[in-house]
N, C-alpha and C. Protein backbone atom coordinates (compact mmCIF):
# COMPACT_ATOMS: atom_id res chain seq x y z
N MET A 1 0.85 -1.17 0.00
CA MET A 1 0.00 0.00 0.00
C MET A 1 0.90 1.23 0.00
N GLU A 2 0.64 2.16 -0.87
CA GLU A 2 1.47 3.36 -0.99
C GLU A 2 0.86 4.48 -0.17
N THR A 3 1.68 5.35 0.33
CA THR A 3 1.21 6.43 1.18
C THR A 3 1.41 7.78 0.52
N LEU A 4 0.43 8.62 0.66
CA LEU A 4 0.53 9.96 0.09
C LEU A 4 0.06 10.98 1.13
N TYR A 5 0.64 12.17 1.09
CA TYR A 5 0.18 13.24 1.96
C TYR A 5 -1.04 13.91 1.34
N ASN A 6 -1.99 14.29 2.17
CA ASN A 6 -3.14 15.05 1.73
C ASN A 6 -2.81 16.52 1.96
N ALA A 7 -2.73 17.31 0.91
CA ALA A 7 -2.31 18.71 1.02
C ALA A 7 -3.27 19.54 1.87
N ASN A 8 -4.56 19.14 1.93
CA ASN A 8 -5.54 19.92 2.67
C ASN A 8 -5.37 19.81 4.18
N ASN A 9 -5.10 18.59 4.68
CA ASN A 9 -4.98 18.43 6.13
C ASN A 9 -3.72 17.67 6.55
N LEU A 10 -2.80 17.45 5.62
CA LEU A 10 -1.51 16.81 5.89
C LEU A 10 -1.62 15.47 6.60
N THR A 11 -2.65 14.69 6.26
CA THR A 11 -2.75 13.34 6.82
C THR A 11 -1.85 12.41 6.04
N LEU A 12 -1.48 11.30 6.65
CA LEU A 12 -0.56 10.36 6.04
C LEU A 12 -1.20 8.98 6.02
N SER A 13 -1.24 8.35 4.86
CA SER A 13 -1.74 6.99 4.75
C SER A 13 -0.64 6.04 5.21
N THR A 14 -0.87 4.75 5.09
CA THR A 14 0.08 3.77 5.59
C THR A 14 0.97 3.22 4.49
N PHE A 15 2.31 3.24 4.73
CA PHE A 15 3.29 2.60 3.86
C PHE A 15 3.49 1.18 4.35
N VAL A 16 3.85 0.29 3.45
CA VAL A 16 4.13 -1.10 3.81
C VAL A 16 5.59 -1.39 3.51
N CYS A 17 6.26 -2.09 4.43
CA CYS A 17 7.65 -2.47 4.25
C CYS A 17 7.77 -3.33 3.00
N GLN A 18 8.71 -2.99 2.12
CA GLN A 18 8.90 -3.74 0.88
C GLN A 18 9.63 -5.06 1.10
N VAL A 19 10.13 -5.30 2.31
CA VAL A 19 10.83 -6.54 2.61
C VAL A 19 9.89 -7.53 3.28
N CYS A 20 9.21 -7.11 4.36
CA CYS A 20 8.41 -8.05 5.16
C CYS A 20 6.92 -7.73 5.17
N GLU A 21 6.51 -6.61 4.56
CA GLU A 21 5.12 -6.18 4.47
C GLU A 21 4.52 -5.72 5.79
N GLU A 22 5.35 -5.46 6.80
CA GLU A 22 4.90 -4.81 8.04
C GLU A 22 4.73 -3.32 7.73
N PRO A 23 4.09 -2.56 8.63
CA PRO A 23 3.99 -1.12 8.39
C PRO A 23 5.38 -0.48 8.28
N ALA A 24 5.60 0.28 7.23
CA ALA A 24 6.89 0.94 7.03
C ALA A 24 6.95 2.21 7.87
N ARG A 25 8.14 2.54 8.32
CA ARG A 25 8.34 3.74 9.12
C ARG A 25 9.17 4.78 8.39
N GLY A 26 9.58 4.49 7.17
CA GLY A 26 10.34 5.48 6.42
C GLY A 26 10.95 4.90 5.16
N PHE A 27 11.66 5.76 4.46
CA PHE A 27 12.33 5.39 3.22
C PHE A 27 13.80 5.21 3.56
N HIS A 28 14.24 3.97 3.68
CA HIS A 28 15.58 3.66 4.15
C HIS A 28 16.38 2.95 3.07
N PHE A 29 17.55 3.46 2.75
CA PHE A 29 18.46 2.80 1.82
C PHE A 29 17.81 2.47 0.49
N GLY A 30 16.91 3.31 0.03
CA GLY A 30 16.31 3.16 -1.28
C GLY A 30 15.00 2.39 -1.32
N ALA A 31 14.40 2.07 -0.16
CA ALA A 31 13.14 1.33 -0.14
C ALA A 31 12.34 1.73 1.10
N PHE A 32 11.00 1.62 1.01
CA PHE A 32 10.17 1.82 2.19
C PHE A 32 10.30 0.59 3.07
N THR A 33 10.72 0.78 4.33
CA THR A 33 10.95 -0.35 5.22
C THR A 33 10.48 -0.05 6.64
N CYS A 34 10.28 -1.12 7.40
CA CYS A 34 10.01 -0.99 8.83
C CYS A 34 11.34 -0.81 9.55
N GLU A 35 11.29 -0.53 10.84
CA GLU A 35 12.52 -0.34 11.62
C GLU A 35 13.34 -1.62 11.68
N GLY A 36 12.69 -2.77 11.79
CA GLY A 36 13.41 -4.04 11.87
C GLY A 36 14.20 -4.34 10.62
N CYS A 37 13.60 -4.14 9.47
CA CYS A 37 14.30 -4.42 8.22
C CYS A 37 15.34 -3.35 7.94
N LYS A 38 15.09 -2.13 8.39
CA LYS A 38 16.08 -1.07 8.21
C LYS A 38 17.38 -1.47 8.91
N GLY A 39 17.28 -2.02 10.09
CA GLY A 39 18.46 -2.41 10.84
C GLY A 39 18.90 -3.83 10.59
N LYS A 40 18.14 -4.56 9.79
CA LYS A 40 18.44 -5.97 9.50
C LYS A 40 18.67 -6.77 10.77
N ASN A 41 17.85 -6.52 11.80
CA ASN A 41 18.06 -7.20 13.07
C ASN A 41 16.97 -8.21 13.41
N ARG A 42 16.32 -8.76 12.40
CA ARG A 42 15.33 -9.80 12.65
C ARG A 42 16.01 -11.10 13.02
N THR A 43 15.26 -12.08 13.45
CA THR A 43 15.85 -13.34 13.89
C THR A 43 16.17 -14.30 12.76
N SER A 44 15.81 -13.95 11.54
CA SER A 44 16.11 -14.85 10.42
C SER A 44 17.59 -14.78 10.06
N CYS A 45 18.00 -15.69 9.22
CA CYS A 45 19.38 -15.77 8.75
C CYS A 45 19.81 -14.43 8.16
N LYS A 46 20.96 -13.92 8.57
CA LYS A 46 21.42 -12.62 8.09
C LYS A 46 21.61 -12.58 6.58
N ALA A 47 22.12 -13.65 6.02
CA ALA A 47 22.32 -13.69 4.56
C ALA A 47 20.98 -13.65 3.84
N CYS A 48 19.99 -14.39 4.36
CA CYS A 48 18.66 -14.40 3.74
C CYS A 48 18.00 -13.03 3.87
N ARG A 49 18.15 -12.38 5.03
CA ARG A 49 17.55 -11.08 5.26
C ARG A 49 18.20 -10.04 4.32
N TYR A 50 19.51 -10.11 4.18
CA TYR A 50 20.24 -9.20 3.31
C TYR A 50 19.77 -9.36 1.86
N THR A 51 19.62 -10.61 1.42
CA THR A 51 19.14 -10.88 0.07
C THR A 51 17.73 -10.33 -0.12
N ALA A 52 16.85 -10.51 0.88
CA ALA A 52 15.48 -10.00 0.80
C ALA A 52 15.48 -8.48 0.71
N CYS A 53 16.37 -7.83 1.44
CA CYS A 53 16.47 -6.37 1.39
C CYS A 53 16.92 -5.91 0.01
N LEU A 54 17.91 -6.57 -0.56
CA LEU A 54 18.36 -6.20 -1.91
C LEU A 54 17.27 -6.45 -2.93
N ASP A 55 16.54 -7.57 -2.80
CA ASP A 55 15.44 -7.87 -3.72
C ASP A 55 14.33 -6.83 -3.64
N ALA A 56 14.14 -6.21 -2.47
CA ALA A 56 13.10 -5.19 -2.29
C ALA A 56 13.52 -3.84 -2.82
N GLY A 57 14.78 -3.73 -3.25
CA GLY A 57 15.24 -2.47 -3.83
C GLY A 57 16.15 -1.66 -2.93
N MET A 58 16.47 -2.17 -1.74
CA MET A 58 17.39 -1.45 -0.86
C MET A 58 18.79 -1.50 -1.45
N SER A 59 19.58 -0.50 -1.16
CA SER A 59 20.93 -0.42 -1.71
C SER A 59 21.93 -0.12 -0.60
N PRO A 60 23.02 -0.88 -0.52
CA PRO A 60 24.03 -0.60 0.50
C PRO A 60 24.73 0.75 0.28
N GLN A 61 24.64 1.30 -0.92
CA GLN A 61 25.26 2.58 -1.21
C GLN A 61 24.35 3.77 -0.89
N SER A 62 23.05 3.52 -0.71
CA SER A 62 22.11 4.61 -0.43
C SER A 62 22.21 5.02 1.03
N GLU A 63 21.69 6.21 1.31
CA GLU A 63 21.65 6.71 2.67
C GLU A 63 20.21 6.79 3.12
N PHE A 64 20.02 6.91 4.44
CA PHE A 64 18.70 7.13 5.01
C PHE A 64 18.16 8.43 4.45
N LEU A 65 16.94 8.42 3.89
CA LEU A 65 16.42 9.61 3.23
C LEU A 65 15.27 10.29 3.96
N ALA A 66 14.33 9.53 4.48
CA ALA A 66 13.16 10.15 5.09
C ALA A 66 12.55 9.22 6.11
N SER A 67 11.81 9.80 7.04
CA SER A 67 11.16 9.03 8.08
C SER A 67 9.69 9.41 8.13
N VAL A 68 8.85 8.45 8.45
CA VAL A 68 7.41 8.68 8.58
C VAL A 68 7.11 8.85 10.05
N PRO A 69 6.43 9.93 10.45
CA PRO A 69 6.15 10.16 11.88
C PRO A 69 5.28 9.09 12.48
């Protein structure tokens, strides 16, 4: 689900993490992600998590760009 700001009242819809489909908290390393995927600190295999992040469009060369309140 994509999120857009409403210019009239500045409401925010819900973004979904492109890695695990949990609610996203911002645009991290080139993809909308939750805090867990941003830090890659889930309990799954680190190599598998890293691959999932790359598959979702995250980039190790990108920087943190924006956060959702």
